[in-house]
N, C-alpha and C. Protein backbone atom coordinates (compact mmCIF):
# COMPACT_ATOMS: atom_id res chain seq x y z
N MET A 1 125.85 136.47 0.53
CA MET A 1 125.74 137.15 -0.74
C MET A 1 126.32 138.55 -0.70
N LYS A 2 126.11 139.19 0.37
CA LYS A 2 126.61 140.55 0.45
C LYS A 2 128.13 140.60 0.40
N LYS A 3 128.75 139.64 1.07
CA LYS A 3 130.19 139.63 1.10
C LYS A 3 130.78 139.40 -0.29
N SER A 4 130.19 138.56 -1.08
CA SER A 4 130.68 138.30 -2.43
C SER A 4 130.46 139.51 -3.34
N THR A 5 129.39 140.23 -3.13
CA THR A 5 129.13 141.43 -3.94
C THR A 5 130.16 142.51 -3.64
N VAL A 6 130.52 142.67 -2.37
CA VAL A 6 131.51 143.66 -1.97
C VAL A 6 132.88 143.27 -2.55
N VAL A 7 133.25 142.01 -2.48
CA VAL A 7 134.52 141.55 -3.01
C VAL A 7 134.55 141.75 -4.53
N LEU A 8 133.44 141.44 -5.19
CA LEU A 8 133.35 141.63 -6.64
C LEU A 8 133.49 143.11 -7.00
N GLY A 9 132.86 143.98 -6.23
CA GLY A 9 132.94 145.42 -6.46
C GLY A 9 134.34 145.96 -6.27
N ILE A 10 135.01 145.49 -5.22
CA ILE A 10 136.39 145.92 -4.95
C ILE A 10 137.31 145.40 -6.06
N GLY A 11 137.08 144.19 -6.51
CA GLY A 11 137.88 143.63 -7.60
C GLY A 11 137.73 144.44 -8.88
N LEU A 12 136.50 144.79 -9.21
CA LEU A 12 136.27 145.62 -10.41
C LEU A 12 136.92 147.00 -10.27
N LEU A 13 136.85 147.57 -9.06
CA LEU A 13 137.46 148.87 -8.82
C LEU A 13 138.98 148.80 -9.01
N VAL A 14 139.61 147.75 -8.52
CA VAL A 14 141.05 147.58 -8.68
C VAL A 14 141.41 147.43 -10.15
N ILE A 15 140.61 146.67 -10.88
CA ILE A 15 140.87 146.47 -12.31
C ILE A 15 140.74 147.79 -13.06
N LEU A 16 139.70 148.56 -12.77
CA LEU A 16 139.51 149.86 -13.42
C LEU A 16 140.65 150.82 -13.11
N LEU A 17 141.07 150.86 -11.86
CA LEU A 17 142.21 151.73 -11.50
C LEU A 17 143.48 151.27 -12.21
N GLY A 18 143.65 149.96 -12.35
CA GLY A 18 144.81 149.43 -13.07
C GLY A 18 144.83 149.88 -14.51
N PHE A 19 143.67 149.86 -15.17
CA PHE A 19 143.60 150.33 -16.56
C PHE A 19 143.86 151.84 -16.65
N THR A 20 143.39 152.58 -15.67
CA THR A 20 143.58 154.03 -15.68
C THR A 20 145.07 154.37 -15.62
N PHE A 21 145.79 153.78 -14.70
CA PHE A 21 147.22 154.08 -14.58
C PHE A 21 148.03 153.51 -15.73
N THR A 22 147.60 152.38 -16.25
CA THR A 22 148.29 151.79 -17.40
C THR A 22 148.16 152.70 -18.61
N GLY A 23 146.99 153.30 -18.80
CA GLY A 23 146.79 154.22 -19.93
C GLY A 23 147.69 155.43 -19.84
N ARG A 24 147.88 155.94 -18.64
CA ARG A 24 148.75 157.10 -18.47
C ARG A 24 150.20 156.73 -18.73
N VAL A 25 150.61 155.58 -18.28
CA VAL A 25 151.98 155.15 -18.51
C VAL A 25 152.23 154.95 -19.99
N GLN A 26 151.26 154.39 -20.69
CA GLN A 26 151.41 154.18 -22.12
C GLN A 26 151.47 155.51 -22.86
N ALA A 27 150.72 156.51 -22.41
CA ALA A 27 150.74 157.81 -23.07
C ALA A 27 152.09 158.48 -22.89
N GLN A 28 152.75 158.24 -21.78
CA GLN A 28 154.04 158.86 -21.54
C GLN A 28 155.16 158.14 -22.28
N GLU A 29 154.93 156.91 -22.67
CA GLU A 29 155.97 156.13 -23.31
C GLU A 29 155.89 156.21 -24.84
N GLN A 30 155.32 157.29 -25.38
CA GLN A 30 155.25 157.42 -26.83
C GLN A 30 156.66 157.61 -27.38
N THR A 31 156.84 157.12 -28.58
CA THR A 31 158.14 157.30 -29.21
C THR A 31 158.31 158.76 -29.60
N PRO A 32 159.48 159.33 -29.35
CA PRO A 32 159.70 160.74 -29.69
C PRO A 32 159.65 160.95 -31.21
N VAL A 33 159.14 162.11 -31.60
CA VAL A 33 159.05 162.45 -33.01
C VAL A 33 160.44 162.89 -33.48
N VAL A 34 160.90 162.33 -34.57
CA VAL A 34 162.20 162.70 -35.12
C VAL A 34 161.97 163.77 -36.18
N VAL A 35 162.57 164.92 -35.95
CA VAL A 35 162.43 166.05 -36.87
C VAL A 35 163.74 166.21 -37.63
N THR A 36 163.67 166.24 -38.94
CA THR A 36 164.87 166.37 -39.76
C THR A 36 165.23 167.84 -39.95
N ASP A 37 166.44 168.08 -40.40
CA ASP A 37 166.88 169.45 -40.69
C ASP A 37 166.05 170.06 -41.81
N ASP A 38 165.64 169.23 -42.76
CA ASP A 38 164.82 169.73 -43.86
C ASP A 38 163.48 170.26 -43.35
N GLN A 39 162.89 169.58 -42.39
CA GLN A 39 161.62 170.04 -41.82
C GLN A 39 161.81 171.35 -41.07
N VAL A 40 162.90 171.46 -40.33
CA VAL A 40 163.19 172.69 -39.61
C VAL A 40 163.42 173.83 -40.60
N ASN A 41 164.22 173.57 -41.65
CA ASN A 41 164.52 174.61 -42.64
C ASN A 41 163.29 175.00 -43.44
N GLN A 42 162.37 174.07 -43.64
CA GLN A 42 161.14 174.41 -44.36
C GLN A 42 160.33 175.45 -43.58
N VAL A 43 160.25 175.27 -42.26
CA VAL A 43 159.54 176.26 -41.44
C VAL A 43 160.37 177.54 -41.32
N ALA A 44 161.68 177.39 -41.12
CA ALA A 44 162.56 178.55 -40.94
C ALA A 44 162.60 179.42 -42.20
N SER A 45 162.43 178.81 -43.37
CA SER A 45 162.44 179.60 -44.61
C SER A 45 161.21 180.49 -44.73
N GLN A 46 160.19 180.21 -43.94
CA GLN A 46 158.96 181.01 -43.97
C GLN A 46 158.99 182.12 -42.93
N LEU A 47 160.13 182.26 -42.23
CA LEU A 47 160.29 183.29 -41.21
C LEU A 47 161.55 184.09 -41.49
N TYR A 48 161.53 185.37 -41.12
CA TYR A 48 162.70 186.22 -41.28
C TYR A 48 163.33 186.49 -39.93
N CYS A 49 164.62 186.68 -39.93
CA CYS A 49 165.37 186.93 -38.70
C CYS A 49 164.92 188.26 -38.10
N PRO A 50 164.55 188.28 -36.82
CA PRO A 50 164.14 189.53 -36.18
C PRO A 50 165.30 190.50 -35.99
N VAL A 51 166.54 190.00 -36.04
CA VAL A 51 167.71 190.86 -35.81
C VAL A 51 168.29 191.37 -37.12
N CYS A 52 168.48 190.47 -38.08
CA CYS A 52 169.08 190.84 -39.38
C CYS A 52 167.98 191.36 -40.31
N GLU A 53 168.38 192.15 -41.28
CA GLU A 53 167.44 192.69 -42.25
C GLU A 53 167.29 191.77 -43.44
N ASN A 54 166.08 191.39 -43.77
CA ASN A 54 165.74 190.64 -44.99
C ASN A 54 166.53 189.35 -45.17
N ILE A 55 166.78 188.63 -44.10
CA ILE A 55 167.44 187.33 -44.18
C ILE A 55 166.53 186.31 -43.52
N SER A 56 166.22 185.24 -44.25
CA SER A 56 165.34 184.23 -43.66
C SER A 56 166.12 183.41 -42.63
N LEU A 57 165.39 182.83 -41.69
CA LEU A 57 166.02 182.09 -40.59
C LEU A 57 166.81 180.88 -41.06
N ASP A 58 166.43 180.29 -42.18
CA ASP A 58 167.11 179.08 -42.61
C ASP A 58 168.53 179.33 -43.13
N VAL A 59 168.86 180.55 -43.52
CA VAL A 59 170.20 180.85 -44.04
C VAL A 59 170.97 181.85 -43.18
N CYS A 60 170.36 182.38 -42.16
CA CYS A 60 171.02 183.38 -41.32
C CYS A 60 172.11 182.72 -40.49
N PRO A 61 173.36 183.24 -40.52
CA PRO A 61 174.47 182.57 -39.84
C PRO A 61 174.65 182.97 -38.37
N THR A 62 173.82 183.86 -37.82
CA THR A 62 174.04 184.35 -36.46
C THR A 62 173.70 183.29 -35.42
N GLN A 63 174.25 183.47 -34.23
CA GLN A 63 174.00 182.55 -33.12
C GLN A 63 172.53 182.61 -32.70
N ALA A 64 171.94 183.79 -32.75
CA ALA A 64 170.52 183.94 -32.39
C ALA A 64 169.65 183.11 -33.32
N CYS A 65 169.94 183.14 -34.60
CA CYS A 65 169.15 182.35 -35.56
C CYS A 65 169.34 180.87 -35.34
N GLU A 66 170.51 180.46 -34.94
CA GLU A 66 170.74 179.04 -34.62
C GLU A 66 169.86 178.63 -33.44
N GLN A 67 169.75 179.51 -32.46
CA GLN A 67 168.88 179.22 -31.31
C GLN A 67 167.42 179.17 -31.73
N TRP A 68 167.03 180.06 -32.64
CA TRP A 68 165.63 180.07 -33.09
C TRP A 68 165.32 178.81 -33.91
N ARG A 69 166.30 178.33 -34.69
CA ARG A 69 166.09 177.08 -35.41
C ARG A 69 165.95 175.91 -34.43
N SER A 70 166.72 175.95 -33.34
CA SER A 70 166.58 174.91 -32.30
C SER A 70 165.20 174.98 -31.66
N LEU A 71 164.71 176.20 -31.46
CA LEU A 71 163.37 176.36 -30.90
C LEU A 71 162.31 175.82 -31.86
N ILE A 72 162.51 176.05 -33.15
CA ILE A 72 161.59 175.50 -34.15
C ILE A 72 161.60 173.97 -34.09
N ARG A 73 162.79 173.40 -33.95
CA ARG A 73 162.92 171.93 -33.85
C ARG A 73 162.14 171.43 -32.62
N GLU A 74 162.30 172.11 -31.48
CA GLU A 74 161.59 171.70 -30.26
C GLU A 74 160.07 171.78 -30.46
N LYS A 75 159.63 172.85 -31.09
CA LYS A 75 158.18 173.02 -31.30
C LYS A 75 157.65 171.94 -32.24
N LEU A 76 158.41 171.61 -33.28
CA LEU A 76 157.98 170.55 -34.20
C LEU A 76 157.94 169.20 -33.49
N GLU A 77 158.93 168.93 -32.64
CA GLU A 77 158.95 167.68 -31.89
C GLU A 77 157.78 167.61 -30.91
N ALA A 78 157.33 168.77 -30.43
CA ALA A 78 156.20 168.81 -29.51
C ALA A 78 154.87 168.66 -30.24
N GLY A 79 154.91 168.65 -31.59
CA GLY A 79 153.69 168.44 -32.36
C GLY A 79 153.06 169.72 -32.90
N TRP A 80 153.77 170.83 -32.83
CA TRP A 80 153.24 172.08 -33.34
C TRP A 80 153.25 172.05 -34.86
N SER A 81 152.29 172.74 -35.48
CA SER A 81 152.26 172.87 -36.94
C SER A 81 153.10 174.09 -37.35
N ALA A 82 153.38 174.19 -38.63
CA ALA A 82 154.16 175.33 -39.14
C ALA A 82 153.41 176.64 -38.89
N GLU A 83 152.10 176.62 -39.04
CA GLU A 83 151.30 177.84 -38.81
C GLU A 83 151.36 178.26 -37.34
N GLN A 84 151.30 177.30 -36.43
CA GLN A 84 151.38 177.62 -35.01
C GLN A 84 152.75 178.23 -34.67
N ILE A 85 153.79 177.69 -35.28
CA ILE A 85 155.13 178.22 -35.02
C ILE A 85 155.25 179.64 -35.57
N LYS A 86 154.72 179.88 -36.77
CA LYS A 86 154.77 181.24 -37.35
C LYS A 86 153.98 182.21 -36.48
N GLU A 87 152.84 181.79 -35.97
CA GLU A 87 152.05 182.66 -35.09
C GLU A 87 152.81 182.94 -33.79
N TYR A 88 153.50 181.93 -33.28
CA TYR A 88 154.29 182.10 -32.06
C TYR A 88 155.39 183.13 -32.28
N PHE A 89 156.13 183.01 -33.39
CA PHE A 89 157.22 183.95 -33.68
C PHE A 89 156.66 185.36 -33.92
N ALA A 90 155.52 185.46 -34.60
CA ALA A 90 154.92 186.79 -34.84
C ALA A 90 154.49 187.42 -33.52
N ALA A 91 153.97 186.61 -32.61
CA ALA A 91 153.57 187.14 -31.30
C ALA A 91 154.78 187.57 -30.48
N GLN A 92 155.88 186.84 -30.59
CA GLN A 92 157.09 187.15 -29.82
C GLN A 92 157.87 188.33 -30.39
N TYR A 93 158.02 188.39 -31.72
CA TYR A 93 158.92 189.35 -32.35
C TYR A 93 158.24 190.34 -33.28
N GLY A 94 156.94 190.24 -33.45
CA GLY A 94 156.22 191.17 -34.31
C GLY A 94 156.05 190.62 -35.72
N ASP A 95 155.23 191.30 -36.49
CA ASP A 95 154.91 190.86 -37.84
C ASP A 95 156.09 190.96 -38.80
N ARG A 96 157.16 191.62 -38.41
CA ARG A 96 158.31 191.76 -39.32
C ARG A 96 159.01 190.43 -39.58
N VAL A 97 158.74 189.39 -38.77
CA VAL A 97 159.36 188.09 -39.00
C VAL A 97 158.61 187.30 -40.07
N LEU A 98 157.44 187.77 -40.48
CA LEU A 98 156.66 187.07 -41.50
C LEU A 98 157.04 187.59 -42.88
N PRO A 99 156.99 186.74 -43.91
CA PRO A 99 157.37 187.19 -45.25
C PRO A 99 156.40 188.21 -45.84
N GLU A 100 155.15 188.17 -45.43
CA GLU A 100 154.19 189.17 -45.86
C GLU A 100 153.28 189.49 -44.67
N PRO A 101 152.86 190.75 -44.57
CA PRO A 101 152.04 191.12 -43.42
C PRO A 101 150.70 190.39 -43.43
N PRO A 102 150.19 190.06 -42.24
CA PRO A 102 148.89 189.38 -42.19
C PRO A 102 147.78 190.31 -42.66
N LYS A 103 146.73 189.72 -43.20
CA LYS A 103 145.63 190.52 -43.76
C LYS A 103 144.62 190.84 -42.66
N LYS A 104 145.07 191.63 -41.68
CA LYS A 104 144.19 192.05 -40.60
C LYS A 104 144.62 193.43 -40.14
N GLY A 105 143.72 194.14 -39.51
CA GLY A 105 144.02 195.48 -39.03
C GLY A 105 144.27 196.43 -40.20
N LEU A 106 145.24 197.31 -40.03
CA LEU A 106 145.59 198.27 -41.08
C LEU A 106 146.48 197.66 -42.16
N ASN A 107 146.95 196.44 -41.94
CA ASN A 107 147.80 195.79 -42.94
C ASN A 107 147.06 195.51 -44.24
N TRP A 108 145.74 195.47 -44.22
CA TRP A 108 144.99 195.20 -45.45
C TRP A 108 145.25 196.29 -46.48
N MET A 109 145.67 197.47 -46.03
CA MET A 109 145.94 198.57 -46.97
C MET A 109 147.11 198.23 -47.89
N VAL A 110 148.04 197.40 -47.42
CA VAL A 110 149.17 196.99 -48.26
C VAL A 110 148.68 196.25 -49.49
N TYR A 111 147.58 195.53 -49.35
CA TYR A 111 147.05 194.74 -50.45
C TYR A 111 146.08 195.52 -51.33
N ILE A 112 145.46 196.57 -50.78
CA ILE A 112 144.43 197.30 -51.54
C ILE A 112 144.99 198.56 -52.20
N LEU A 113 145.86 199.29 -51.52
CA LEU A 113 146.33 200.58 -52.05
C LEU A 113 147.08 200.48 -53.38
N PRO A 114 148.03 199.59 -53.57
CA PRO A 114 148.73 199.57 -54.87
C PRO A 114 147.81 199.36 -56.07
N PRO A 115 146.90 198.37 -56.06
CA PRO A 115 146.01 198.25 -57.21
C PRO A 115 145.08 199.46 -57.37
N ALA A 116 144.65 200.03 -56.25
CA ALA A 116 143.77 201.21 -56.32
C ALA A 116 144.53 202.39 -56.93
N MET A 117 145.80 202.56 -56.56
CA MET A 117 146.58 203.67 -57.11
C MET A 117 146.86 203.46 -58.60
N ILE A 118 147.11 202.25 -59.01
CA ILE A 118 147.33 201.97 -60.43
C ILE A 118 146.06 202.24 -61.23
N ALA A 119 144.93 201.80 -60.70
CA ALA A 119 143.65 202.05 -61.39
C ALA A 119 143.35 203.55 -61.44
N GLY A 120 143.61 204.27 -60.35
CA GLY A 120 143.39 205.72 -60.33
C GLY A 120 144.30 206.44 -61.32
N GLY A 121 145.56 206.02 -61.40
CA GLY A 121 146.50 206.62 -62.36
C GLY A 121 146.07 206.37 -63.80
N ALA A 122 145.58 205.16 -64.07
CA ALA A 122 145.12 204.85 -65.43
C ALA A 122 143.90 205.69 -65.80
N LEU A 123 142.99 205.87 -64.85
CA LEU A 123 141.82 206.72 -65.11
C LEU A 123 142.22 208.17 -65.34
N LEU A 124 143.16 208.67 -64.54
CA LEU A 124 143.62 210.05 -64.71
C LEU A 124 144.30 210.23 -66.07
N LEU A 125 145.13 209.28 -66.46
CA LEU A 125 145.79 209.35 -67.75
C LEU A 125 144.78 209.33 -68.90
N ALA A 126 143.78 208.45 -68.81
CA ALA A 126 142.73 208.39 -69.83
C ALA A 126 141.96 209.71 -69.89
N TRP A 127 141.67 210.29 -68.73
CA TRP A 127 140.93 211.56 -68.69
C TRP A 127 141.74 212.68 -69.34
N ILE A 128 143.07 212.71 -69.09
CA ILE A 128 143.92 213.74 -69.69
C ILE A 128 144.00 213.55 -71.20
N ILE A 129 144.18 212.33 -71.66
CA ILE A 129 144.27 212.07 -73.10
C ILE A 129 142.98 212.42 -73.81
N LEU A 130 141.85 212.04 -73.22
CA LEU A 130 140.56 212.38 -73.84
C LEU A 130 140.32 213.88 -73.84
N GLY A 131 140.77 214.56 -72.80
CA GLY A 131 140.64 216.02 -72.76
C GLY A 131 141.49 216.70 -73.83
N MET A 132 142.67 216.15 -74.08
CA MET A 132 143.54 216.72 -75.11
C MET A 132 142.94 216.50 -76.50
N ARG A 133 142.32 215.36 -76.70
CA ARG A 133 141.70 215.10 -78.00
C ARG A 133 140.50 216.00 -78.23
N ALA A 134 139.79 216.33 -77.17
CA ALA A 134 138.59 217.17 -77.31
C ALA A 134 138.97 218.60 -77.68
N ARG A 135 140.08 219.08 -77.18
CA ARG A 135 140.52 220.44 -77.51
C ARG A 135 141.42 220.38 -78.73
N LYS A 136 140.86 220.53 -79.86
CA LYS A 136 141.66 220.54 -81.08
C LYS A 136 142.14 221.95 -81.34
N VAL A 137 143.44 222.11 -81.49
CA VAL A 137 144.04 223.43 -81.70
C VAL A 137 144.22 223.63 -83.20
N ALA A 138 143.68 224.73 -83.69
CA ALA A 138 143.82 225.03 -85.11
C ALA A 138 145.21 225.59 -85.38
N PRO A 139 145.81 225.27 -86.51
CA PRO A 139 147.14 225.80 -86.81
C PRO A 139 147.09 227.31 -87.01
N VAL A 140 148.17 227.99 -86.63
CA VAL A 140 148.24 229.45 -86.75
C VAL A 140 148.59 229.81 -88.19
N SER A 141 147.81 230.68 -88.77
CA SER A 141 148.10 231.11 -90.14
C SER A 141 148.83 232.46 -90.10
N ALA A 142 149.36 232.86 -91.24
CA ALA A 142 150.10 234.12 -91.31
C ALA A 142 149.19 235.31 -91.05
N GLU A 143 147.92 235.19 -91.38
CA GLU A 143 146.99 236.30 -91.19
C GLU A 143 146.69 236.51 -89.71
N GLN A 144 146.86 235.49 -88.89
CA GLN A 144 146.52 235.60 -87.49
C GLN A 144 147.66 236.14 -86.65
N THR A 145 148.87 236.26 -87.19
CA THR A 145 149.99 236.77 -86.41
C THR A 145 149.79 238.25 -86.16
N PRO A 146 150.07 238.71 -84.97
CA PRO A 146 149.84 240.11 -84.65
C PRO A 146 150.78 241.06 -85.37
N GLN A 147 151.94 240.62 -85.68
CA GLN A 147 152.91 241.50 -86.36
C GLN A 147 153.61 240.70 -87.44
N SER A 148 154.05 241.39 -88.42
CA SER A 148 154.81 240.71 -89.46
C SER A 148 156.20 240.44 -88.93
N SER A 149 156.93 239.59 -89.59
CA SER A 149 158.24 239.20 -89.10
C SER A 149 159.23 240.37 -89.12
N GLY A 150 159.08 241.29 -90.06
CA GLY A 150 160.00 242.44 -90.13
C GLY A 150 159.83 243.34 -88.92
N GLU A 151 158.59 243.62 -88.53
CA GLU A 151 158.35 244.46 -87.36
C GLU A 151 158.88 243.77 -86.09
N TYR A 152 158.72 242.51 -86.03
CA TYR A 152 159.15 241.75 -84.86
C TYR A 152 160.68 241.80 -84.73
N LEU A 153 161.38 241.62 -85.83
CA LEU A 153 162.84 241.67 -85.78
C LEU A 153 163.34 243.05 -85.39
N ALA A 154 162.66 244.08 -85.85
CA ALA A 154 163.06 245.44 -85.50
C ALA A 154 162.90 245.66 -84.00
N ARG A 155 161.84 245.16 -83.43
CA ARG A 155 161.61 245.30 -81.98
C ARG A 155 162.65 244.54 -81.17
N VAL A 156 163.04 243.36 -81.64
CA VAL A 156 164.05 242.56 -80.94
C VAL A 156 165.37 243.30 -80.96
N GLU A 157 165.73 243.90 -82.10
CA GLU A 157 166.99 244.62 -82.19
C GLU A 157 166.99 245.83 -81.27
N GLU A 158 165.87 246.54 -81.18
CA GLU A 158 165.76 247.68 -80.28
C GLU A 158 165.99 247.25 -78.83
N GLU A 159 165.36 246.17 -78.48
CA GLU A 159 165.48 245.65 -77.11
C GLU A 159 166.91 245.25 -76.81
N LEU A 160 167.61 244.65 -77.75
CA LEU A 160 169.00 244.27 -77.54
C LEU A 160 169.90 245.50 -77.38
N LEU A 161 169.64 246.55 -78.16
CA LEU A 161 170.43 247.76 -78.04
C LEU A 161 170.22 248.42 -76.68
N LYS A 162 168.99 248.40 -76.20
CA LYS A 162 168.68 248.96 -74.88
C LYS A 162 169.44 248.21 -73.80
N ARG A 163 169.50 246.91 -73.89
CA ARG A 163 170.15 246.09 -72.86
C ARG A 163 171.67 246.25 -72.90
N LYS A 164 172.22 246.52 -74.09
CA LYS A 164 173.66 246.76 -74.18
C LYS A 164 174.03 248.06 -73.52
N GLY A 165 173.16 249.03 -73.62
CA GLY A 165 173.43 250.35 -73.07
C GLY A 165 173.34 250.36 -71.55
N GLU A 166 172.63 249.50 -70.97
CA GLU A 166 172.46 249.49 -69.51
C GLU A 166 173.63 248.98 -68.83
């Protein structure tokens, strides 16, 4: 009985090892993922060239951008998502490759300051307009003028004569 139990155990062990190696071989024999140019350009359009100014990777004609598009193709074939690829490029080349800065760190100010400045300007404008309405200026009447027009003209002529003489 003991001999049959040992043989049975060894047989089961061989079968289990066979399944283990077969599973690994099957995992390596997966069909490669085919990535189209449209898929590459879809991801590349969400990234900007780190070398050129304001040109997205999908339309940039430089050799470097061609290499980066090839890298995007490799990453997509490896199963990376578009977000993972964008994070990879941002880590490698900085946030300038992203179409908009990420909402973390001091970059949040880009999203908060413009609306805050517009609201502050509107409040300041309203405050100025309301202040102007509160101060009503009465029209100047002839009785309130310090001098009559004849005296004023005489003074202006005197001043002009003085300046001619100098």
